[in-house]
Amino acid sequence: MDGDRAVRKEAFDALACGMWELAAAVWQETELLLWKPPAAWFSVNAFYTVGGLRNWYVNFERPTARTGNGLDTFDLTLDLVAAPDLTSWQWKDEDEYAHVRRLGIVNDTEHQAVDAARDQALAMLEERSGPFADADSWSAWRWNPAWPIPSLPRPAAAGHGVASTGD
């Protein structure tokens, strides 16, 4: 989600107030295979286009929790993007991460967890471990159009959520 940076900054400012609106949306342009270890402060995503694996994407986020409505997590804006063959990588949105830190959306304890997760994700890339252990095989993965489209239950709260402090 590159989009207009000013719009994203406004969204973070509103989020810092503790409220946001949920909106129905349909994922477009890529297929996504996501690997999320329990209690991890990141997920590893493989993005596919009709041409094959576009890139690996490590998304730093709060650990996933089960709720009455499904699964809940919180994107912390920081990402690590790696080439399909894992020969290169780059950090993405470090400026946004610094902004959400200034706003208090990511507190000091969470920041320490993200720093440890950065080290863990980089080690997995360098060692070709976790989902990167069999990266060549994952390059050939494809979504089967015959699979049913997943759906989640409607949220209990009418379209608004309150940001967790993560404490």
N, C-alpha and C. Protein backbone atom coordinates (compact mmCIF):
# COMPACT_ATOMS: atom_id res chain seq x y z
N MET A 1 0.83 -1.18 0.00
CA MET A 1 0.00 0.00 0.00
C MET A 1 0.87 1.24 0.00
N ASP A 2 1.31 1.66 -1.14
CA ASP A 2 2.11 2.86 -1.19
C ASP A 2 1.22 4.09 -1.09
N GLY A 3 0.27 4.25 -2.01
CA GLY A 3 -0.71 5.33 -1.94
C GLY A 3 -0.11 6.69 -1.66
N ASP A 4 -0.97 7.63 -1.42
CA ASP A 4 -0.58 9.00 -1.10
C ASP A 4 -0.10 9.03 0.34
N ARG A 5 1.15 9.45 0.55
CA ARG A 5 1.74 9.45 1.89
C ARG A 5 0.98 10.38 2.84
N ALA A 6 0.47 11.49 2.34
CA ALA A 6 -0.28 12.42 3.20
C ALA A 6 -1.54 11.75 3.73
N VAL A 7 -2.21 10.98 2.89
CA VAL A 7 -3.42 10.28 3.32
C VAL A 7 -3.08 9.24 4.38
N ARG A 8 -1.97 8.53 4.17
CA ARG A 8 -1.55 7.53 5.15
C ARG A 8 -1.18 8.19 6.48
N LYS A 9 -0.50 9.35 6.43
CA LYS A 9 -0.14 10.06 7.66
C LYS A 9 -1.39 10.48 8.41
N GLU A 10 -2.39 11.00 7.69
CA GLU A 10 -3.66 11.37 8.32
C GLU A 10 -4.31 10.16 8.97
N ALA A 11 -4.25 9.02 8.31
CA ALA A 11 -4.84 7.80 8.87
C ALA A 11 -4.15 7.42 10.18
N PHE A 12 -2.82 7.55 10.23
CA PHE A 12 -2.10 7.24 11.47
C PHE A 12 -2.47 8.23 12.57
N ASP A 13 -2.60 9.49 12.21
CA ASP A 13 -2.99 10.50 13.20
C ASP A 13 -4.36 10.17 13.78
N ALA A 14 -5.31 9.77 12.91
CA ALA A 14 -6.65 9.40 13.39
C ALA A 14 -6.58 8.14 14.24
N LEU A 15 -5.75 7.18 13.83
CA LEU A 15 -5.60 5.94 14.57
C LEU A 15 -5.07 6.20 15.98
N ALA A 16 -4.18 7.18 16.09
CA ALA A 16 -3.62 7.51 17.40
C ALA A 16 -4.69 7.98 18.37
N CYS A 17 -5.82 8.46 17.84
CA CYS A 17 -6.95 8.86 18.69
C CYS A 17 -7.73 7.65 19.19
N GLY A 18 -7.46 6.46 18.63
CA GLY A 18 -8.07 5.24 19.12
C GLY A 18 -9.27 4.72 18.37
N MET A 19 -9.63 5.35 17.27
CA MET A 19 -10.82 4.88 16.53
C MET A 19 -10.51 4.76 15.05
N TRP A 20 -11.19 3.82 14.41
CA TRP A 20 -11.12 3.67 12.96
C TRP A 20 -12.40 3.01 12.50
N GLU A 21 -12.65 3.05 11.22
CA GLU A 21 -13.84 2.42 10.65
C GLU A 21 -13.41 1.23 9.83
N LEU A 22 -14.12 0.13 10.02
CA LEU A 22 -13.89 -1.05 9.19
C LEU A 22 -14.63 -0.86 7.88
N ALA A 23 -14.06 -1.36 6.82
CA ALA A 23 -14.70 -1.26 5.51
C ALA A 23 -14.52 -2.58 4.78
N ALA A 24 -15.55 -3.00 4.10
CA ALA A 24 -15.47 -4.21 3.28
C ALA A 24 -14.57 -3.92 2.08
N ALA A 25 -13.72 -4.86 1.75
CA ALA A 25 -12.82 -4.69 0.61
C ALA A 25 -12.50 -6.06 0.04
N VAL A 26 -12.12 -6.07 -1.21
CA VAL A 26 -11.71 -7.30 -1.88
C VAL A 26 -10.26 -7.16 -2.27
N TRP A 27 -9.44 -8.15 -1.90
CA TRP A 27 -8.03 -8.17 -2.25
C TRP A 27 -7.91 -8.24 -3.76
N GLN A 28 -7.06 -7.42 -4.34
CA GLN A 28 -6.93 -7.38 -5.79
C GLN A 28 -5.47 -7.37 -6.21
N GLU A 29 -5.22 -7.70 -7.45
CA GLU A 29 -3.94 -7.60 -8.15
C GLU A 29 -2.94 -8.70 -7.81
N THR A 30 -2.98 -9.27 -6.61
CA THR A 30 -2.04 -10.34 -6.27
C THR A 30 -2.78 -11.43 -5.52
N GLU A 31 -2.13 -12.59 -5.47
CA GLU A 31 -2.56 -13.65 -4.57
C GLU A 31 -1.56 -13.66 -3.43
N LEU A 32 -2.01 -14.03 -2.26
CA LEU A 32 -1.17 -13.94 -1.07
C LEU A 32 -1.15 -15.27 -0.34
N LEU A 33 0.05 -15.71 -0.04
CA LEU A 33 0.24 -16.86 0.84
C LEU A 33 0.93 -16.32 2.08
N LEU A 34 0.34 -16.52 3.25
CA LEU A 34 0.81 -15.90 4.48
C LEU A 34 1.23 -16.96 5.49
N TRP A 35 2.37 -16.75 6.10
CA TRP A 35 2.91 -17.63 7.14
C TRP A 35 3.03 -16.80 8.41
N LYS A 36 2.31 -17.20 9.46
CA LYS A 36 2.30 -16.42 10.71
C LYS A 36 2.57 -17.34 11.88
N PRO A 37 3.81 -17.33 12.41
CA PRO A 37 4.10 -18.16 13.58
C PRO A 37 3.32 -17.66 14.80
N PRO A 38 2.89 -18.56 15.67
CA PRO A 38 2.18 -18.13 16.89
C PRO A 38 3.05 -17.18 17.71
N ALA A 39 2.45 -16.13 18.20
CA ALA A 39 3.08 -15.14 19.08
C ALA A 39 4.16 -14.30 18.40
N ALA A 40 4.36 -14.46 17.09
CA ALA A 40 5.39 -13.69 16.38
C ALA A 40 4.95 -12.26 16.16
N TRP A 41 5.92 -11.37 16.10
CA TRP A 41 5.69 -9.96 15.83
C TRP A 41 5.84 -9.64 14.34
N PHE A 42 5.68 -10.65 13.51
CA PHE A 42 5.74 -10.48 12.06
C PHE A 42 5.04 -11.65 11.38
N SER A 43 4.71 -11.44 10.13
CA SER A 43 4.26 -12.52 9.26
C SER A 43 5.12 -12.49 8.01
N VAL A 44 5.24 -13.62 7.36
CA VAL A 44 5.96 -13.70 6.09
C VAL A 44 4.92 -13.94 5.01
N ASN A 45 4.90 -13.06 4.03
CA ASN A 45 3.90 -13.11 2.96
C ASN A 45 4.60 -13.33 1.63
N ALA A 46 4.03 -14.18 0.81
CA ALA A 46 4.51 -14.36 -0.56
C ALA A 46 3.42 -13.80 -1.46
N PHE A 47 3.78 -12.81 -2.28
CA PHE A 47 2.83 -12.17 -3.19
C PHE A 47 3.03 -12.73 -4.59
N TYR A 48 1.93 -13.17 -5.20
CA TYR A 48 1.97 -13.77 -6.53
C TYR A 48 1.14 -12.95 -7.50
N THR A 49 1.63 -12.85 -8.73
CA THR A 49 0.87 -12.28 -9.84
C THR A 49 0.71 -13.40 -10.87
N VAL A 50 0.07 -13.10 -11.97
CA VAL A 50 -0.07 -14.12 -13.02
C VAL A 50 1.30 -14.59 -13.51
N GLY A 51 2.32 -13.77 -13.38
CA GLY A 51 3.66 -14.13 -13.80
C GLY A 51 4.43 -14.97 -12.79
N GLY A 52 3.88 -15.19 -11.61
CA GLY A 52 4.55 -15.98 -10.59
C GLY A 52 4.82 -15.18 -9.33
N LEU A 53 5.76 -15.64 -8.54
CA LEU A 53 6.09 -14.99 -7.26
C LEU A 53 6.67 -13.62 -7.53
N ARG A 54 5.99 -12.58 -7.03
CA ARG A 54 6.45 -11.20 -7.22
C ARG A 54 7.53 -10.84 -6.21
N ASN A 55 7.28 -11.17 -4.93
CA ASN A 55 8.24 -10.88 -3.89
C ASN A 55 7.80 -11.51 -2.57
N TRP A 56 8.76 -11.59 -1.66
CA TRP A 56 8.51 -11.96 -0.27
C TRP A 56 8.36 -10.66 0.50
N TYR A 57 7.51 -10.68 1.52
CA TYR A 57 7.19 -9.46 2.24
C TYR A 57 7.05 -9.82 3.71
N VAL A 58 7.95 -9.32 4.53
CA VAL A 58 7.85 -9.55 5.97
C VAL A 58 7.13 -8.35 6.55
N ASN A 59 5.95 -8.59 7.10
CA ASN A 59 5.09 -7.54 7.65
C ASN A 59 5.21 -7.57 9.17
N PHE A 60 5.67 -6.49 9.75
CA PHE A 60 5.81 -6.43 11.20
C PHE A 60 4.47 -6.00 11.79
N GLU A 61 4.00 -6.78 12.76
CA GLU A 61 2.66 -6.61 13.30
C GLU A 61 2.60 -7.20 14.70
N ARG A 62 1.58 -6.78 15.43
CA ARG A 62 1.39 -7.36 16.76
C ARG A 62 1.02 -8.84 16.61
N PRO A 63 1.31 -9.65 17.63
CA PRO A 63 0.92 -11.06 17.56
C PRO A 63 -0.59 -11.20 17.33
N THR A 64 -0.95 -12.21 16.59
CA THR A 64 -2.35 -12.47 16.27
C THR A 64 -3.05 -13.06 17.49
N ALA A 65 -4.28 -12.60 17.72
CA ALA A 65 -5.09 -13.11 18.83
C ALA A 65 -6.45 -13.56 18.29
N ARG A 66 -6.97 -14.64 18.81
CA ARG A 66 -8.32 -15.07 18.46
C ARG A 66 -9.31 -14.21 19.22
N THR A 67 -10.37 -13.81 18.52
CA THR A 67 -11.45 -13.05 19.15
C THR A 67 -12.77 -13.72 18.79
N GLY A 68 -13.86 -13.22 19.32
CA GLY A 68 -15.18 -13.73 18.96
C GLY A 68 -15.52 -13.49 17.50
N ASN A 69 -14.82 -12.57 16.87
CA ASN A 69 -15.08 -12.26 15.46
C ASN A 69 -14.09 -12.91 14.50
N GLY A 70 -13.10 -13.61 15.01
CA GLY A 70 -12.11 -14.23 14.13
C GLY A 70 -10.71 -14.03 14.67
N LEU A 71 -9.84 -13.48 13.86
CA LEU A 71 -8.45 -13.23 14.24
C LEU A 71 -8.19 -11.74 14.22
N ASP A 72 -7.41 -11.27 15.17
CA ASP A 72 -7.11 -9.85 15.28
C ASP A 72 -5.60 -9.67 15.32
N THR A 73 -5.12 -8.72 14.53
CA THR A 73 -3.72 -8.33 14.56
C THR A 73 -3.67 -6.83 14.27
N PHE A 74 -2.48 -6.29 14.27
CA PHE A 74 -2.35 -4.85 14.09
C PHE A 74 -1.05 -4.58 13.35
N ASP A 75 -1.14 -4.05 12.15
CA ASP A 75 0.02 -3.75 11.31
C ASP A 75 0.80 -2.60 11.94
N LEU A 76 2.10 -2.79 12.09
CA LEU A 76 2.94 -1.77 12.71
C LEU A 76 3.69 -0.92 11.68
N THR A 77 3.29 -0.98 10.43
CA THR A 77 3.74 -0.16 9.30
C THR A 77 5.10 -0.55 8.73
N LEU A 78 5.96 -1.18 9.50
CA LEU A 78 7.31 -1.52 9.05
C LEU A 78 7.29 -2.81 8.25
N ASP A 79 8.04 -2.85 7.15
CA ASP A 79 8.07 -4.04 6.30
C ASP A 79 9.49 -4.29 5.81
N LEU A 80 9.74 -5.53 5.46
CA LEU A 80 10.98 -5.95 4.84
C LEU A 80 10.59 -6.68 3.55
N VAL A 81 11.05 -6.18 2.40
CA VAL A 81 10.68 -6.74 1.11
C VAL A 81 11.89 -7.44 0.52
N ALA A 82 11.70 -8.71 0.12
CA ALA A 82 12.80 -9.51 -0.43
C ALA A 82 12.46 -9.97 -1.84
N ALA A 83 13.49 -10.08 -2.66
CA ALA A 83 13.33 -10.57 -4.03
C ALA A 83 12.85 -12.02 -4.00
N PRO A 84 12.18 -12.47 -5.06
CA PRO A 84 11.68 -13.85 -5.10
C PRO A 84 12.78 -14.90 -4.85
N ASP A 85 13.99 -14.63 -5.33
CA ASP A 85 15.09 -15.59 -5.14
C ASP A 85 15.88 -15.33 -3.86
N LEU A 86 15.42 -14.38 -3.06
CA LEU A 86 16.01 -14.04 -1.75
C LEU A 86 17.43 -13.48 -1.84
N THR A 87 17.84 -13.01 -3.00
CA THR A 87 19.20 -12.49 -3.15
C THR A 87 19.35 -11.04 -2.71
N SER A 88 18.22 -10.34 -2.55
CA SER A 88 18.29 -8.95 -2.09
C SER A 88 17.05 -8.64 -1.27
N TRP A 89 17.18 -7.62 -0.43
CA TRP A 89 16.04 -7.19 0.38
C TRP A 89 16.21 -5.72 0.72
N GLN A 90 15.09 -5.08 1.13
CA GLN A 90 15.14 -3.68 1.56
C GLN A 90 14.04 -3.41 2.57
N TRP A 91 14.32 -2.49 3.48
CA TRP A 91 13.32 -2.05 4.44
C TRP A 91 12.34 -1.11 3.75
N LYS A 92 11.10 -1.15 4.19
CA LYS A 92 10.05 -0.31 3.62
C LYS A 92 9.29 0.38 4.75
N ASP A 93 8.97 1.63 4.57
CA ASP A 93 8.13 2.41 5.48
C ASP A 93 8.74 2.66 6.85
N GLU A 94 10.05 2.78 6.91
CA GLU A 94 10.69 3.12 8.19
C GLU A 94 10.26 4.50 8.66
N ASP A 95 9.98 5.41 7.72
CA ASP A 95 9.50 6.74 8.08
C ASP A 95 8.13 6.66 8.77
N GLU A 96 7.26 5.80 8.25
CA GLU A 96 5.94 5.64 8.88
C GLU A 96 6.06 4.99 10.25
N TYR A 97 6.98 4.04 10.38
CA TYR A 97 7.20 3.41 11.67
C TYR A 97 7.66 4.45 12.69
N ALA A 98 8.57 5.32 12.29
CA ALA A 98 9.03 6.39 13.19
C ALA A 98 7.86 7.29 13.58
N HIS A 99 6.96 7.55 12.63
CA HIS A 99 5.80 8.41 12.90
C HIS A 99 4.85 7.75 13.92
N VAL A 100 4.55 6.46 13.74
CA VAL A 100 3.65 5.81 14.70
C VAL A 100 4.31 5.66 16.06
N ARG A 101 5.64 5.59 16.09
CA ARG A 101 6.35 5.61 17.37
C ARG A 101 6.15 6.97 18.06
N ARG A 102 6.32 8.07 17.30
CA ARG A 102 6.13 9.41 17.87
C ARG A 102 4.71 9.59 18.39
N LEU A 103 3.74 9.02 17.68
CA LEU A 103 2.34 9.14 18.08
C LEU A 103 1.98 8.26 19.27
N GLY A 104 2.84 7.34 19.64
CA GLY A 104 2.56 6.44 20.76
C GLY A 104 1.76 5.21 20.36
N ILE A 105 1.53 5.01 19.07
CA ILE A 105 0.81 3.81 18.62
C ILE A 105 1.65 2.57 18.90
N VAL A 106 2.96 2.71 18.78
CA VAL A 106 3.90 1.64 19.13
C VAL A 106 4.69 2.13 20.33
N ASN A 107 4.48 1.47 21.47
CA ASN A 107 5.16 1.91 22.70
C ASN A 107 6.57 1.31 22.78
N ASP A 108 7.30 1.66 23.81
CA ASP A 108 8.69 1.23 23.94
C ASP A 108 8.82 -0.29 24.04
N THR A 109 7.92 -0.93 24.79
CA THR A 109 7.96 -2.39 24.92
C THR A 109 7.72 -3.05 23.58
N GLU A 110 6.75 -2.55 22.83
CA GLU A 110 6.48 -3.10 21.50
C GLU A 110 7.65 -2.85 20.56
N HIS A 111 8.27 -1.69 20.67
CA HIS A 111 9.41 -1.37 19.83
C HIS A 111 10.55 -2.37 20.08
N GLN A 112 10.77 -2.73 21.33
CA GLN A 112 11.79 -3.73 21.64
C GLN A 112 11.45 -5.07 21.00
N ALA A 113 10.16 -5.43 21.02
CA ALA A 113 9.72 -6.68 20.39
C ALA A 113 9.92 -6.61 18.87
N VAL A 114 9.65 -5.46 18.28
CA VAL A 114 9.85 -5.29 16.83
C VAL A 114 11.33 -5.38 16.49
N ASP A 115 12.20 -4.78 17.30
CA ASP A 115 13.64 -4.88 17.05
C ASP A 115 14.10 -6.34 17.08
N ALA A 116 13.61 -7.10 18.05
CA ALA A 116 13.95 -8.53 18.12
C ALA A 116 13.38 -9.27 16.91
N ALA A 117 12.18 -8.90 16.49
CA ALA A 117 11.57 -9.54 15.31
C ALA A 117 12.34 -9.21 14.04
N ARG A 118 12.87 -7.99 13.94
CA ARG A 118 13.72 -7.62 12.78
C ARG A 118 14.90 -8.58 12.69
N ASP A 119 15.57 -8.77 13.83
CA ASP A 119 16.73 -9.67 13.86
C ASP A 119 16.33 -11.09 13.47
N GLN A 120 15.19 -11.54 13.99
CA GLN A 120 14.72 -12.89 13.70
C GLN A 120 14.41 -13.05 12.21
N ALA A 121 13.72 -12.09 11.62
CA ALA A 121 13.36 -12.16 10.20
C ALA A 121 14.62 -12.13 9.32
N LEU A 122 15.57 -11.26 9.64
CA LEU A 122 16.81 -11.21 8.86
C LEU A 122 17.59 -12.52 8.97
N ALA A 123 17.61 -13.11 10.16
CA ALA A 123 18.30 -14.39 10.35
C ALA A 123 17.63 -15.47 9.51
N MET A 124 16.31 -15.48 9.48
CA MET A 124 15.59 -16.47 8.66
C MET A 124 15.94 -16.30 7.18
N LEU A 125 16.04 -15.06 6.72
CA LEU A 125 16.41 -14.81 5.32
C LEU A 125 17.84 -15.31 5.04
N GLU A 126 18.76 -14.93 5.91
CA GLU A 126 20.16 -15.29 5.70
C GLU A 126 20.39 -16.79 5.79
N GLU A 127 19.68 -17.45 6.72
CA GLU A 127 19.84 -18.89 6.92
C GLU A 127 18.94 -19.72 6.01
N ARG A 128 18.04 -19.03 5.31
CA ARG A 128 17.03 -19.72 4.48
C ARG A 128 16.26 -20.72 5.33
N SER A 129 15.75 -20.22 6.47
CA SER A 129 14.97 -21.06 7.37
C SER A 129 13.52 -20.59 7.40
N GLY A 130 12.67 -21.29 8.18
CA GLY A 130 11.25 -20.95 8.21
C GLY A 130 10.67 -21.11 6.81
N PRO A 131 9.81 -20.21 6.40
CA PRO A 131 9.21 -20.34 5.07
C PRO A 131 10.21 -20.16 3.93
N PHE A 132 11.37 -19.57 4.25
CA PHE A 132 12.39 -19.37 3.23
C PHE A 132 13.21 -20.64 2.96
N ALA A 133 13.05 -21.67 3.80
CA ALA A 133 13.82 -22.90 3.66
C ALA A 133 13.52 -23.59 2.33
N ASP A 134 12.31 -23.48 1.87
CA ASP A 134 11.91 -24.14 0.63
C ASP A 134 11.37 -23.10 -0.36
N ALA A 135 12.08 -21.97 -0.47
CA ALA A 135 11.61 -20.85 -1.28
C ALA A 135 11.37 -21.23 -2.74
N ASP A 136 12.21 -22.11 -3.29
CA ASP A 136 12.03 -22.51 -4.69
C ASP A 136 10.69 -23.21 -4.89
N SER A 137 10.33 -24.09 -3.96
CA SER A 137 9.03 -24.78 -4.08
C SER A 137 7.87 -23.81 -3.92
N TRP A 138 8.00 -22.86 -2.98
CA TRP A 138 6.92 -21.89 -2.79
C TRP A 138 6.76 -20.99 -4.01
N SER A 139 7.81 -20.82 -4.78
CA SER A 139 7.71 -20.01 -6.01
C SER A 139 6.70 -20.61 -6.98
N ALA A 140 6.52 -21.92 -6.93
CA ALA A 140 5.61 -22.60 -7.86
C ALA A 140 4.18 -22.67 -7.33
N TRP A 141 3.94 -22.24 -6.09
CA TRP A 141 2.60 -22.33 -5.51
C TRP A 141 1.62 -21.45 -6.29
N ARG A 142 0.37 -21.92 -6.40
CA ARG A 142 -0.69 -21.12 -7.02
C ARG A 142 -1.99 -21.36 -6.28
N TRP A 143 -2.78 -20.32 -6.18
CA TRP A 143 -4.13 -20.39 -5.63
C TRP A 143 -4.98 -21.25 -6.56
N ASN A 144 -5.77 -22.13 -5.99
CA ASN A 144 -6.66 -22.97 -6.78
C ASN A 144 -8.01 -22.27 -6.86
N PRO A 145 -8.45 -21.84 -8.04
CA PRO A 145 -9.72 -21.12 -8.17
C PRO A 145 -10.93 -21.93 -7.69
N ALA A 146 -10.78 -23.25 -7.57
CA ALA A 146 -11.89 -24.08 -7.09
C ALA A 146 -12.06 -23.99 -5.57
N TRP A 147 -11.06 -23.48 -4.87
CA TRP A 147 -11.18 -23.34 -3.42
C TRP A 147 -12.26 -22.32 -3.10
N PRO A 148 -13.06 -22.57 -2.06
CA PRO A 148 -14.09 -21.59 -1.69
C PRO A 148 -13.46 -20.32 -1.13
N ILE A 149 -14.11 -19.21 -1.38
CA ILE A 149 -13.64 -17.93 -0.86
C ILE A 149 -13.95 -17.89 0.63
N PRO A 150 -12.94 -17.67 1.47
CA PRO A 150 -13.19 -17.62 2.91
C PRO A 150 -14.01 -16.39 3.28
N SER A 151 -14.74 -16.51 4.36
CA SER A 151 -15.48 -15.36 4.87
C SER A 151 -15.39 -15.35 6.39
N LEU A 152 -15.42 -14.17 6.94
CA LEU A 152 -15.37 -13.99 8.38
C LEU A 152 -16.73 -13.54 8.87
N PRO A 153 -17.05 -13.82 10.12
CA PRO A 153 -18.32 -13.32 10.66
C PRO A 153 -18.30 -11.80 10.74
N ARG A 154 -19.48 -11.21 10.72
CA ARG A 154 -19.57 -9.74 10.85
C ARG A 154 -19.14 -9.34 12.25
N PRO A 155 -18.41 -8.25 12.37
CA PRO A 155 -17.97 -7.80 13.70
C PRO A 155 -19.15 -7.49 14.61
N ALA A 156 -18.97 -7.76 15.88
CA ALA A 156 -20.02 -7.48 16.85
C ALA A 156 -20.24 -5.98 17.00
N ALA A 157 -19.14 -5.20 17.03
CA ALA A 157 -19.25 -3.75 17.14
C ALA A 157 -19.60 -3.20 15.77
N ALA A 158 -20.44 -2.20 15.75
CA ALA A 158 -20.95 -1.65 14.49
C ALA A 158 -19.91 -0.79 13.77
N GLY A 159 -18.89 -1.45 13.19
CA GLY A 159 -17.98 -0.73 12.30
C GLY A 159 -16.87 0.07 12.96
N HIS A 160 -16.73 0.01 14.26
CA HIS A 160 -15.65 0.76 14.90
C HIS A 160 -14.86 -0.17 15.81
N GLY A 161 -13.59 0.10 15.91
CA GLY A 161 -12.74 -0.65 16.80
C GLY A 161 -11.92 0.30 17.63
N VAL A 162 -11.43 -0.18 18.72
CA VAL A 162 -10.58 0.64 19.56
C VAL A 162 -9.19 0.02 19.52
N ALA A 163 -8.21 0.82 19.27
CA ALA A 163 -6.84 0.36 19.18
C ALA A 163 -6.38 -0.16 20.52
N SER A 164 -5.77 -1.35 20.50
CA SER A 164 -5.17 -1.90 21.70
C SER A 164 -3.88 -1.15 21.99
N THR A 165 -3.56 -0.99 23.23
CA THR A 165 -2.30 -0.35 23.57
C THR A 165 -1.17 -1.35 23.55
N GLY A 166 -1.51 -2.64 23.47
CA GLY A 166 -0.48 -3.66 23.42
C GLY A 166 0.18 -3.91 24.74
N ASP A 167 -0.27 -3.27 25.79
CA ASP A 167 0.33 -3.46 27.12
C ASP A 167 -0.29 -4.64 27.83
